[in-house]
PDB file of all heavy atoms in Angstrom:
ATOM      1  N   ARG A   1       8.145  -3.857 -12.240  1.00  0.00           N
ATOM      2  CA  ARG A   1       7.975  -5.309 -12.297  1.00  0.00           C
ATOM      3  C   ARG A   1       7.020  -5.738 -13.406  1.00  0.00           C
ATOM      4  O   ARG A   1       6.139  -5.004 -13.808  1.00  0.00           O
ATOM      5  CB  ARG A   1       7.453  -5.843 -10.967  1.00  0.00           C
ATOM      6  CG  ARG A   1       8.398  -5.606  -9.835  1.00  0.00           C
ATOM      7  CD  ARG A   1       9.691  -6.306 -10.080  1.00  0.00           C
ATOM      8  NE  ARG A   1      10.595  -6.111  -8.957  1.00  0.00           N
ATOM      9  CZ  ARG A   1      11.655  -6.822  -8.777  1.00  0.00           C
ATOM     10  NH1 ARG A   1      11.983  -7.772  -9.614  1.00  0.00           N
ATOM     11  NH2 ARG A   1      12.431  -6.596  -7.757  1.00  0.00           N
ATOM     12  N   ARG A   2       7.201  -6.978 -13.877  1.00  0.00           N
ATOM     13  CA  ARG A   2       6.349  -7.552 -14.918  1.00  0.00           C
ATOM     14  C   ARG A   2       5.505  -8.705 -14.401  1.00  0.00           C
ATOM     15  O   ARG A   2       4.586  -9.142 -15.069  1.00  0.00           O
ATOM     16  CB  ARG A   2       7.198  -8.038 -16.083  1.00  0.00           C
ATOM     17  CG  ARG A   2       7.891  -6.928 -16.799  1.00  0.00           C
ATOM     18  CD  ARG A   2       8.709  -7.488 -17.926  1.00  0.00           C
ATOM     19  NE  ARG A   2       9.497  -6.435 -18.527  1.00  0.00           N
ATOM     20  CZ  ARG A   2       9.284  -5.996 -19.743  1.00  0.00           C
ATOM     21  NH1 ARG A   2       8.331  -6.510 -20.478  1.00  0.00           N
ATOM     22  NH2 ARG A   2      10.033  -5.047 -20.226  1.00  0.00           N
ATOM     23  N   ASN A   3       5.818  -9.203 -13.225  1.00  0.00           N
ATOM     24  CA  ASN A   3       5.062 -10.305 -12.651  1.00  0.00           C
ATOM     25  C   ASN A   3       3.799  -9.761 -11.991  1.00  0.00           C
ATOM     26  O   ASN A   3       3.852  -8.834 -11.188  1.00  0.00           O
ATOM     27  CB  ASN A   3       5.931 -11.023 -11.616  1.00  0.00           C
ATOM     28  CG  ASN A   3       5.325 -12.307 -11.138  1.00  0.00           C
ATOM     29  OD1 ASN A   3       4.126 -12.500 -11.194  1.00  0.00           O
ATOM     30  ND2 ASN A   3       6.183 -13.191 -10.655  1.00  0.00           N
ATOM     31  N   VAL A   4       2.660 -10.346 -12.308  1.00  0.00           N
ATOM     32  CA  VAL A   4       1.384  -9.859 -11.800  1.00  0.00           C
ATOM     33  C   VAL A   4       1.319  -9.971 -10.279  1.00  0.00           C
ATOM     34  O   VAL A   4       0.793  -9.080  -9.611  1.00  0.00           O
ATOM     35  CB  VAL A   4       0.219 -10.629 -12.455  1.00  0.00           C
ATOM     36  CG1 VAL A   4      -1.102 -10.221 -11.863  1.00  0.00           C
ATOM     37  CG2 VAL A   4       0.205 -10.415 -13.946  1.00  0.00           C
ATOM     38  N   LEU A   5       1.868 -11.028  -9.727  1.00  0.00           N
ATOM     39  CA  LEU A   5       1.825 -11.216  -8.279  1.00  0.00           C
ATOM     40  C   LEU A   5       2.648 -10.149  -7.552  1.00  0.00           C
ATOM     41  O   LEU A   5       2.206  -9.607  -6.532  1.00  0.00           O
ATOM     42  CB  LEU A   5       2.333 -12.607  -7.918  1.00  0.00           C
ATOM     43  CG  LEU A   5       2.115 -13.073  -6.497  1.00  0.00           C
ATOM     44  CD1 LEU A   5       0.634 -13.050  -6.156  1.00  0.00           C
ATOM     45  CD2 LEU A   5       2.672 -14.448  -6.303  1.00  0.00           C
ATOM     46  N   VAL A   6       3.796  -9.810  -8.084  1.00  0.00           N
ATOM     47  CA  VAL A   6       4.626  -8.761  -7.468  1.00  0.00           C
ATOM     48  C   VAL A   6       3.949  -7.396  -7.605  1.00  0.00           C
ATOM     49  O   VAL A   6       3.969  -6.585  -6.674  1.00  0.00           O
ATOM     50  CB  VAL A   6       6.034  -8.757  -8.093  1.00  0.00           C
ATOM     51  CG1 VAL A   6       6.862  -7.602  -7.559  1.00  0.00           C
ATOM     52  CG2 VAL A   6       6.744 -10.072  -7.818  1.00  0.00           C
ATOM     53  N   ILE A   7       3.327  -7.144  -8.747  1.00  0.00           N
ATOM     54  CA  ILE A   7       2.589  -5.889  -8.932  1.00  0.00           C
ATOM     55  C   ILE A   7       1.441  -5.813  -7.932  1.00  0.00           C
ATOM     56  O   ILE A   7       1.183  -4.764  -7.333  1.00  0.00           O
ATOM     57  CB  ILE A   7       2.084  -5.768 -10.378  1.00  0.00           C
ATOM     58  CG1 ILE A   7       3.252  -5.563 -11.328  1.00  0.00           C
ATOM     59  CG2 ILE A   7       1.082  -4.631 -10.512  1.00  0.00           C
ATOM     60  CD1 ILE A   7       2.871  -5.605 -12.794  1.00  0.00           C
ATOM     61  N   TYR A   8       0.768  -6.922  -7.734  1.00  0.00           N
ATOM     62  CA  TYR A   8      -0.343  -6.965  -6.795  1.00  0.00           C
ATOM     63  C   TYR A   8       0.135  -6.683  -5.361  1.00  0.00           C
ATOM     64  O   TYR A   8      -0.504  -5.938  -4.617  1.00  0.00           O
ATOM     65  CB  TYR A   8      -1.014  -8.335  -6.897  1.00  0.00           C
ATOM     66  CG  TYR A   8      -2.296  -8.444  -6.149  1.00  0.00           C
ATOM     67  CD1 TYR A   8      -3.402  -7.687  -6.507  1.00  0.00           C
ATOM     68  CD2 TYR A   8      -2.416  -9.287  -5.063  1.00  0.00           C
ATOM     69  CE1 TYR A   8      -4.580  -7.773  -5.819  1.00  0.00           C
ATOM     70  CE2 TYR A   8      -3.584  -9.389  -4.370  1.00  0.00           C
ATOM     71  CZ  TYR A   8      -4.664  -8.625  -4.758  1.00  0.00           C
ATOM     72  OH  TYR A   8      -5.829  -8.719  -4.059  1.00  0.00           O
ATOM     73  N   MET A   9       1.261  -7.266  -4.977  1.00  0.00           N
ATOM     74  CA  MET A   9       1.811  -7.002  -3.645  1.00  0.00           C
ATOM     75  C   MET A   9       2.238  -5.541  -3.514  1.00  0.00           C
ATOM     76  O   MET A   9       2.086  -4.938  -2.449  1.00  0.00           O
ATOM     77  CB  MET A   9       2.988  -7.925  -3.359  1.00  0.00           C
ATOM     78  CG  MET A   9       2.577  -9.353  -3.120  1.00  0.00           C
ATOM     79  SD  MET A   9       3.893 -10.421  -2.517  1.00  0.00           S
ATOM     80  CE  MET A   9       5.079 -10.324  -3.824  1.00  0.00           C
ATOM     81  N   SER A  10       2.751  -4.957  -4.594  1.00  0.00           N
ATOM     82  CA  SER A  10       3.145  -3.550  -4.564  1.00  0.00           C
ATOM     83  C   SER A  10       1.922  -2.652  -4.402  1.00  0.00           C
ATOM     84  O   SER A  10       1.977  -1.643  -3.685  1.00  0.00           O
ATOM     85  CB  SER A  10       3.899  -3.190  -5.838  1.00  0.00           C
ATOM     86  OG  SER A  10       5.095  -3.925  -5.921  1.00  0.00           O
ATOM     87  N   LEU A  11       0.820  -3.008  -5.047  1.00  0.00           N
ATOM     88  CA  LEU A  11      -0.417  -2.240  -4.875  1.00  0.00           C
ATOM     89  C   LEU A  11      -0.918  -2.318  -3.438  1.00  0.00           C
ATOM     90  O   LEU A  11      -1.398  -1.318  -2.880  1.00  0.00           O
ATOM     91  CB  LEU A  11      -1.490  -2.752  -5.829  1.00  0.00           C
ATOM     92  CG  LEU A  11      -1.318  -2.375  -7.293  1.00  0.00           C
ATOM     93  CD1 LEU A  11      -2.324  -3.121  -8.156  1.00  0.00           C
ATOM     94  CD2 LEU A  11      -1.478  -0.878  -7.476  1.00  0.00           C
ATOM     95  N   GLU A  12      -0.812  -3.484  -2.838  1.00  0.00           N
ATOM     96  CA  GLU A  12      -1.213  -3.628  -1.437  1.00  0.00           C
ATOM     97  C   GLU A  12      -0.304  -2.805  -0.525  1.00  0.00           C
ATOM     98  O   GLU A  12      -0.769  -2.237   0.463  1.00  0.00           O
ATOM     99  CB  GLU A  12      -1.183  -5.099  -1.027  1.00  0.00           C
ATOM    100  CG  GLU A  12      -2.255  -5.933  -1.670  1.00  0.00           C
ATOM    101  CD  GLU A  12      -3.660  -5.536  -1.258  1.00  0.00           C
ATOM    102  OE1 GLU A  12      -3.859  -5.158  -0.082  1.00  0.00           O
ATOM    103  OE2 GLU A  12      -4.556  -5.605  -2.117  1.00  0.00           O
ATOM    104  N   LEU A  13       0.975  -2.720  -0.853  1.00  0.00           N
ATOM    105  CA  LEU A  13       1.903  -1.895  -0.077  1.00  0.00           C
ATOM    106  C   LEU A  13       1.512  -0.423  -0.171  1.00  0.00           C
ATOM    107  O   LEU A  13       1.545   0.302   0.830  1.00  0.00           O
ATOM    108  CB  LEU A  13       3.332  -2.114  -0.581  1.00  0.00           C
ATOM    109  CG  LEU A  13       4.448  -1.475   0.223  1.00  0.00           C
ATOM    110  CD1 LEU A  13       4.504  -2.077   1.618  1.00  0.00           C
ATOM    111  CD2 LEU A  13       5.771  -1.680  -0.487  1.00  0.00           C
ATOM    112  N   MET A  14       1.109   0.015  -1.350  1.00  0.00           N
ATOM    113  CA  MET A  14       0.660   1.395  -1.521  1.00  0.00           C
ATOM    114  C   MET A  14      -0.612   1.662  -0.713  1.00  0.00           C
ATOM    115  O   MET A  14      -0.760   2.727  -0.090  1.00  0.00           O
ATOM    116  CB  MET A  14       0.416   1.683  -3.009  1.00  0.00           C
ATOM    117  CG  MET A  14       1.674   1.700  -3.833  1.00  0.00           C
ATOM    118  SD  MET A  14       1.374   1.701  -5.599  1.00  0.00           S
ATOM    119  CE  MET A  14       0.519   3.229  -5.822  1.00  0.00           C
ATOM    120  N   LEU A  15      -1.520   0.699  -0.700  1.00  0.00           N
ATOM    121  CA  LEU A  15      -2.752   0.846   0.070  1.00  0.00           C
ATOM    122  C   LEU A  15      -2.453   0.934   1.566  1.00  0.00           C
ATOM    123  O   LEU A  15      -3.037   1.755   2.278  1.00  0.00           O
ATOM    124  CB  LEU A  15      -3.680  -0.331  -0.224  1.00  0.00           C
ATOM    125  CG  LEU A  15      -5.058  -0.297   0.401  1.00  0.00           C
ATOM    126  CD1 LEU A  15      -5.871   0.863  -0.163  1.00  0.00           C
ATOM    127  CD2 LEU A  15      -5.775  -1.599   0.138  1.00  0.00           C
ATOM    128  N   ASN A  16      -1.528   0.121   2.040  1.00  0.00           N
ATOM    129  CA  ASN A  16      -1.168   0.170   3.454  1.00  0.00           C
ATOM    130  C   ASN A  16      -0.434   1.460   3.817  1.00  0.00           C
ATOM    131  O   ASN A  16      -0.556   1.944   4.945  1.00  0.00           O
ATOM    132  CB  ASN A  16      -0.333  -1.049   3.829  1.00  0.00           C
ATOM    133  CG  ASN A  16      -1.181  -2.292   3.916  1.00  0.00           C
ATOM    134  OD1 ASN A  16      -2.331  -2.233   4.309  1.00  0.00           O
ATOM    135  ND2 ASN A  16      -0.612  -3.418   3.536  1.00  0.00           N
ATOM    136  N   ALA A  17       0.310   2.023   2.887  1.00  0.00           N
ATOM    137  CA  ALA A  17       0.951   3.317   3.135  1.00  0.00           C
ATOM    138  C   ALA A  17      -0.098   4.410   3.311  1.00  0.00           C
ATOM    139  O   ALA A  17       0.029   5.271   4.192  1.00  0.00           O
ATOM    140  CB  ALA A  17       1.896   3.656   1.991  1.00  0.00           C
ATOM    141  N   ALA A  18      -1.130   4.365   2.486  1.00  0.00           N
ATOM    142  CA  ALA A  18      -2.215   5.336   2.630  1.00  0.00           C
ATOM    143  C   ALA A  18      -2.947   5.129   3.955  1.00  0.00           C
ATOM    144  O   ALA A  18      -3.328   6.108   4.630  1.00  0.00           O
ATOM    145  CB  ALA A  18      -3.185   5.208   1.460  1.00  0.00           C
ATOM    146  N   ASN A  19      -3.134   3.881   4.357  1.00  0.00           N
ATOM    147  CA  ASN A  19      -3.767   3.597   5.647  1.00  0.00           C
ATOM    148  C   ASN A  19      -2.932   4.141   6.801  1.00  0.00           C
ATOM    149  O   ASN A  19      -3.482   4.693   7.761  1.00  0.00           O
ATOM    150  CB  ASN A  19      -3.969   2.090   5.828  1.00  0.00           C
ATOM    151  CG  ASN A  19      -5.113   1.565   5.009  1.00  0.00           C
ATOM    152  OD1 ASN A  19      -5.968   2.316   4.569  1.00  0.00           O
ATOM    153  ND2 ASN A  19      -5.125   0.265   4.793  1.00  0.00           N
ATOM    154  N   LEU A  20      -1.619   3.993   6.717  1.00  0.00           N
ATOM    155  CA  LEU A  20      -0.740   4.517   7.762  1.00  0.00           C
ATOM    156  C   LEU A  20      -0.871   6.037   7.866  1.00  0.00           C
ATOM    157  O   LEU A  20      -0.940   6.586   8.970  1.00  0.00           O
ATOM    158  CB  LEU A  20       0.712   4.128   7.479  1.00  0.00           C
ATOM    159  CG  LEU A  20       1.758   4.675   8.436  1.00  0.00           C
ATOM    160  CD1 LEU A  20       1.522   4.163   9.841  1.00  0.00           C
ATOM    161  CD2 LEU A  20       3.150   4.325   7.950  1.00  0.00           C
ATOM    162  N   ALA A  21      -0.930   6.715   6.739  1.00  0.00           N
ATOM    163  CA  ALA A  21      -1.083   8.172   6.759  1.00  0.00           C
ATOM    164  C   ALA A  21      -2.428   8.574   7.365  1.00  0.00           C
ATOM    165  O   ALA A  21      -2.499   9.522   8.160  1.00  0.00           O
ATOM    166  CB  ALA A  21      -0.945   8.731   5.346  1.00  0.00           C
ATOM    167  N   LEU A  22      -3.484   7.847   7.013  1.00  0.00           N
ATOM    168  CA  LEU A  22      -4.802   8.167   7.571  1.00  0.00           C
ATOM    169  C   LEU A  22      -4.836   7.971   9.086  1.00  0.00           C
ATOM    170  O   LEU A  22      -5.389   8.801   9.817  1.00  0.00           O
ATOM    171  CB  LEU A  22      -5.881   7.301   6.911  1.00  0.00           C
ATOM    172  CG  LEU A  22      -6.328   7.719   5.526  1.00  0.00           C
ATOM    173  CD1 LEU A  22      -7.225   6.654   4.915  1.00  0.00           C
ATOM    174  CD2 LEU A  22      -7.062   9.039   5.590  1.00  0.00           C
ATOM    175  N   VAL A  23      -4.253   6.888   9.560  1.00  0.00           N
ATOM    176  CA  VAL A  23      -4.229   6.639  11.006  1.00  0.00           C
ATOM    177  C   VAL A  23      -3.369   7.682  11.719  1.00  0.00           C
ATOM    178  O   VAL A  23      -3.723   8.153  12.804  1.00  0.00           O
ATOM    179  CB  VAL A  23      -3.732   5.205  11.300  1.00  0.00           C
ATOM    180  CG1 VAL A  23      -3.438   5.018  12.773  1.00  0.00           C
ATOM    181  CG2 VAL A  23      -4.762   4.192  10.843  1.00  0.00           C
ATOM    182  N   ALA A  24      -2.266   8.072  11.109  1.00  0.00           N
ATOM    183  CA  ALA A  24      -1.400   9.084  11.729  1.00  0.00           C
ATOM    184  C   ALA A  24      -2.121  10.427  11.829  1.00  0.00           C
ATOM    185  O   ALA A  24      -2.087  11.076  12.884  1.00  0.00           O
ATOM    186  CB  ALA A  24      -0.116   9.228  10.922  1.00  0.00           C
ATOM    187  N   PHE A  25      -2.772  10.840  10.741  1.00  0.00           N
ATOM    188  CA  PHE A  25      -3.535  12.094  10.800  1.00  0.00           C
ATOM    189  C   PHE A  25      -4.657  12.005  11.826  1.00  0.00           C
ATOM    190  O   PHE A  25      -4.922  12.962  12.559  1.00  0.00           O
ATOM    191  CB  PHE A  25      -4.123  12.435   9.427  1.00  0.00           C
ATOM    192  CG  PHE A  25      -3.150  13.089   8.499  1.00  0.00           C
ATOM    193  CD1 PHE A  25      -2.904  12.542   7.249  1.00  0.00           C
ATOM    194  CD2 PHE A  25      -2.485  14.248   8.846  1.00  0.00           C
ATOM    195  CE1 PHE A  25      -2.015  13.141   6.379  1.00  0.00           C
ATOM    196  CE2 PHE A  25      -1.596  14.853   7.997  1.00  0.00           C
ATOM    197  CZ  PHE A  25      -1.364  14.293   6.758  1.00  0.00           C
ATOM    198  N   SER A  26      -5.316  10.867  11.874  1.00  0.00           N
ATOM    199  CA  SER A  26      -6.400  10.680  12.826  1.00  0.00           C
ATOM    200  C   SER A  26      -5.899  10.768  14.259  1.00  0.00           C
ATOM    201  O   SER A  26      -6.525  11.385  15.115  1.00  0.00           O
ATOM    202  CB  SER A  26      -7.064   9.325  12.570  1.00  0.00           C
ATOM    203  OG  SER A  26      -8.034   9.056  13.534  1.00  0.00           O
ATOM    204  N   ARG A  27      -4.773  10.163  14.517  1.00  0.00           N
ATOM    205  CA  ARG A  27      -4.215  10.156  15.870  1.00  0.00           C
ATOM    206  C   ARG A  27      -3.784  11.552  16.315  1.00  0.00           C
ATOM    207  O   ARG A  27      -4.047  11.973  17.431  1.00  0.00           O
ATOM    208  CB  ARG A  27      -3.025   9.195  15.926  1.00  0.00           C
ATOM    209  CG  ARG A  27      -2.187   9.260  17.174  1.00  0.00           C
ATOM    210  CD  ARG A  27      -2.923   8.644  18.365  1.00  0.00           C
ATOM    211  NE  ARG A  27      -2.047   8.567  19.516  1.00  0.00           N
ATOM    212  CZ  ARG A  27      -2.029   9.479  20.495  1.00  0.00           C
ATOM    213  NH1 ARG A  27      -2.829  10.511  20.441  1.00  0.00           N
ATOM    214  NH2 ARG A  27      -1.211   9.344  21.512  1.00  0.00           N
TER     215      ARG A  27
END
């Protein structure tokens, strides 16, 4: 993507994916 807002949302999606992995390992 070239739109800054879409890139920003994609970065947040990546951060939430990492959070999901951390919670799964923790559980």
